[in-house]
Amino acid sequence: MAGIRIRCRAHNQFEAERVFGAGFMEEKREAAQRAAAERGAGTVA
């Protein structure tokens, strides 16, 4: 597979912010956190 790189979480985030912009990625992170809270992700049963 050409053009695919495996990165750690921090470097993946850095590259995403470089490519898509910090504001765009911040909005996506906030939306993901809201969605996780709505479905109760992270709760222990």
N, C-alpha and C. Protein backbone atom coordinates (compact mmCIF):
# COMPACT_ATOMS: atom_id res chain seq x y z
N MET A 1 0.84 -1.18 0.00
CA MET A 1 0.00 0.00 0.00
C MET A 1 0.88 1.24 0.00
N ALA A 2 0.82 1.96 -1.03
CA ALA A 2 1.64 3.16 -1.16
C ALA A 2 1.00 4.34 -0.43
N GLY A 3 1.81 5.16 0.18
CA GLY A 3 1.34 6.39 0.79
C GLY A 3 0.72 6.24 2.17
N ILE A 4 0.86 5.10 2.79
CA ILE A 4 0.29 4.91 4.13
C ILE A 4 1.43 4.86 5.14
N ARG A 5 1.25 5.61 6.21
CA ARG A 5 2.25 5.63 7.28
C ARG A 5 1.57 5.32 8.60
N ILE A 6 2.24 4.61 9.45
CA ILE A 6 1.74 4.33 10.78
C ILE A 6 2.45 5.29 11.73
N ARG A 7 1.65 6.02 12.49
CA ARG A 7 2.19 7.02 13.42
C ARG A 7 1.59 6.82 14.80
N CYS A 8 2.28 7.33 15.81
CA CYS A 8 1.70 7.33 17.14
C CYS A 8 0.57 8.36 17.18
N ARG A 9 -0.24 8.32 18.21
CA ARG A 9 -1.39 9.21 18.32
C ARG A 9 -1.00 10.68 18.19
N ALA A 10 0.05 11.08 18.89
CA ALA A 10 0.46 12.49 18.87
C ALA A 10 0.90 12.94 17.47
N HIS A 11 1.67 12.10 16.78
CA HIS A 11 2.12 12.48 15.45
C HIS A 11 0.99 12.41 14.43
N ASN A 12 0.05 11.49 14.63
CA ASN A 12 -1.11 11.43 13.76
C ASN A 12 -1.92 12.72 13.90
N GLN A 13 -2.13 13.17 15.13
CA GLN A 13 -2.86 14.41 15.37
C GLN A 13 -2.11 15.60 14.78
N PHE A 14 -0.81 15.64 14.97
CA PHE A 14 0.01 16.73 14.41
C PHE A 14 -0.16 16.79 12.89
N GLU A 15 -0.07 15.65 12.22
CA GLU A 15 -0.19 15.62 10.77
C GLU A 15 -1.59 16.00 10.31
N ALA A 16 -2.61 15.55 11.03
CA ALA A 16 -3.98 15.92 10.68
C ALA A 16 -4.18 17.42 10.80
N GLU A 17 -3.65 18.03 11.85
CA GLU A 17 -3.77 19.48 12.02
C GLU A 17 -2.98 20.22 10.93
N ARG A 18 -1.87 19.67 10.52
CA ARG A 18 -1.08 20.28 9.45
C ARG A 18 -1.85 20.24 8.13
N VAL A 19 -2.49 19.11 7.86
CA VAL A 19 -3.17 18.93 6.58
C VAL A 19 -4.54 19.63 6.57
N PHE A 20 -5.33 19.43 7.62
CA PHE A 20 -6.72 19.92 7.63
C PHE A 20 -6.92 21.22 8.38
N GLY A 21 -5.95 21.59 9.21
CA GLY A 21 -6.07 22.82 10.00
C GLY A 21 -6.47 22.51 11.43
N ALA A 22 -5.91 23.28 12.35
CA ALA A 22 -6.15 23.04 13.78
C ALA A 22 -7.61 23.26 14.15
N GLY A 23 -8.24 24.28 13.59
CA GLY A 23 -9.64 24.56 13.90
C GLY A 23 -10.56 23.44 13.47
N PHE A 24 -10.36 22.93 12.28
CA PHE A 24 -11.17 21.83 11.77
C PHE A 24 -11.03 20.60 12.65
N MET A 25 -9.80 20.26 13.03
CA MET A 25 -9.58 19.07 13.85
C MET A 25 -10.15 19.26 15.26
N GLU A 26 -10.07 20.46 15.80
CA GLU A 26 -10.66 20.73 17.12
C GLU A 26 -12.16 20.50 17.07
N GLU A 27 -12.82 20.98 16.01
CA GLU A 27 -14.26 20.76 15.86
C GLU A 27 -14.58 19.27 15.79
N LYS A 28 -13.78 18.51 15.07
CA LYS A 28 -14.00 17.07 14.95
C LYS A 28 -13.82 16.36 16.28
N ARG A 29 -12.80 16.77 17.05
CA ARG A 29 -12.58 16.16 18.37
C ARG A 29 -13.75 16.46 19.30
N GLU A 30 -14.22 17.71 19.29
CA GLU A 30 -15.35 18.08 20.14
C GLU A 30 -16.61 17.31 19.74
N ALA A 31 -16.86 17.17 18.45
CA ALA A 31 -18.02 16.41 17.97
C ALA A 31 -17.93 14.95 18.40
N ALA A 32 -16.74 14.38 18.33
CA ALA A 32 -16.55 12.99 18.73
C ALA A 32 -16.78 12.82 20.23
N GLN A 33 -16.34 13.79 21.02
CA GLN A 33 -16.56 13.72 22.47
C GLN A 33 -18.04 13.83 22.80
N ARG A 34 -18.76 14.71 22.11
CA ARG A 34 -20.21 14.84 22.33
C ARG A 34 -20.92 13.54 21.97
N ALA A 35 -20.56 12.95 20.84
CA ALA A 35 -21.20 11.70 20.39
C ALA A 35 -20.92 10.58 21.39
N ALA A 36 -19.70 10.50 21.89
CA ALA A 36 -19.36 9.47 22.86
C ALA A 36 -20.15 9.66 24.15
N ALA A 37 -20.32 10.90 24.59
CA ALA A 37 -21.08 11.17 25.81
C ALA A 37 -22.54 10.80 25.63
N GLU A 38 -23.08 11.07 24.44
CA GLU A 38 -24.49 10.76 24.17
C GLU A 38 -24.75 9.25 24.19
N ARG A 39 -23.80 8.46 23.74
CA ARG A 39 -24.02 7.02 23.72
C ARG A 39 -23.48 6.33 24.97
N GLY A 40 -22.97 7.14 25.90
CA GLY A 40 -22.51 6.60 27.18
C GLY A 40 -21.19 5.88 27.10
N ALA A 41 -20.37 6.21 26.13
CA ALA A 41 -19.06 5.59 25.99
C ALA A 41 -18.20 5.92 27.20
N GLY A 42 -17.44 4.94 27.62
CA GLY A 42 -16.52 5.15 28.72
C GLY A 42 -17.11 4.82 30.08
N THR A 43 -18.40 4.46 30.10
CA THR A 43 -18.98 4.08 31.37
C THR A 43 -18.71 2.61 31.64
N VAL A 44 -18.57 2.28 32.90
CA VAL A 44 -18.31 0.91 33.30
C VAL A 44 -19.62 0.26 33.69
N ALA A 45 -19.89 -0.90 33.11
CA ALA A 45 -21.16 -1.60 33.39
C ALA A 45 -21.04 -2.47 34.62
